[in-house]
């Protein structure tokens, strides 16, 4: 049995082993530092991506909510945030410029504290109409980072083992000219097409010669296989690009079709304004918002005077162009916050938000004068058109806080303007309420007089 001293004498720790140990220590230190730097860089990049994604999502949501906020469509806002609050987006809060919360995702305080919060302003036509708060859940992103960290460490460990094996093999051979050639060949880089360019120029009849010949044969096989594979990859890549381009084109076409269908559902095709369907929705949501928030609202019903005569004298094509020109001038004469709808024929409705009876009267009178003072040129025909306007404001006169009542009162006020000479503005509270019943009975008989 060998003594312990004899065992240690037989264990030789030569130069080769010392170089391997030095390489191992150096590689472990360098790879550890590199791994730490890579993880720090990944964490910084992830944080920037979270911020970029949060700001981008917040801006998209604020742009989508702008019209709802302007129209005080609380129900629409709530439905919208309920729809988008999923996945990473787990919290949304919408506040108008008065500080009133219009809609908010229900979430506990403990869950809210775990979210990344972003704040943006809700803008329309460069005017701020509210504030938006969005909370993003970053758990999925953080989990991805942790998985990437573990994967990175495993890859670095694999690299260490692989390099150590290569270095051990190189150090197991004497440093002679054939070894230098082999080392140079093994270290060569592929050219642009990915082919190994050089053979090992060594014809010796020993182990080094065998290595060189086997390498050269393997190189030839790999280059041949690479060329064949590259041809298949090029064909597959071309087909994939064509399919992807077609898919993108179809997706864009579908998105455009969906947007067009949505727009057509609420847009009058002749004037480009909102149609009667959109008017019915706005009438209901606007009155509900006014009652809930104790805000001012006035409804204007405008009608072109003697429009039937224009159609009878010049034809419906001229009449349609008059309606288009009339819609343009109405849009020029209102505030940015007001909304116009064509509700039928030559009749238009205007929602004046944050406008009491006097403000609405001033807006209507400005519109009336603008229309009256401007000639309409249709082809070779010059027309002077006027309009009559009826106004209703909830809480003024006998007005009631209901959508149908508000519309009916504005319509009665419009009829009063028509009956008293046209080209005038009448508020519902100016109408003699004793005549309202007679107006109801006679309205159908006198409908043609409004044309």
Foldseek 3Di string as FASTA:
>chain_A
DDDPVVVVVVDDCDPLNVVLVVLLVVLVVVLVVVLVVVLVVVVVVLVVVVVVVVVVVQVVLLAVCQLCLLLLQLVVNQVVCVVVCDDFWPWKWKAFPVRHTSYIHDDDPVVQVQWDKDKDFRDDPNDTTIIMIITTHCPVVVVVSVVVSVVSVVVSVVVSVVVSVVSSVLSVDDPDDLSVLVVVQVPDAAPPLRASDDARPDCDPDPSNVVRVVVVVVSVVVRVVSVVVVVVVVVVVVVVVVVVVVVVVVVVVVVVVVVVVVQVVQADVLQRAGEQVVVVVSLQSNLVSCVVVVAWKKKKKKAKAPLVVCCVPPNVVVSSVVLNVLSVLLVVLDDPSKGKYDYDDRIIMIMDTRAHPVRVQVSVLSSQCSLQVDWDCDPPDIDGIGMEMFMEIAPAAPQHSGSVSNVVLRVVQSVVCLVVPGSYYGYSNVDDPVCPVVCVVCVVVCVVSRD
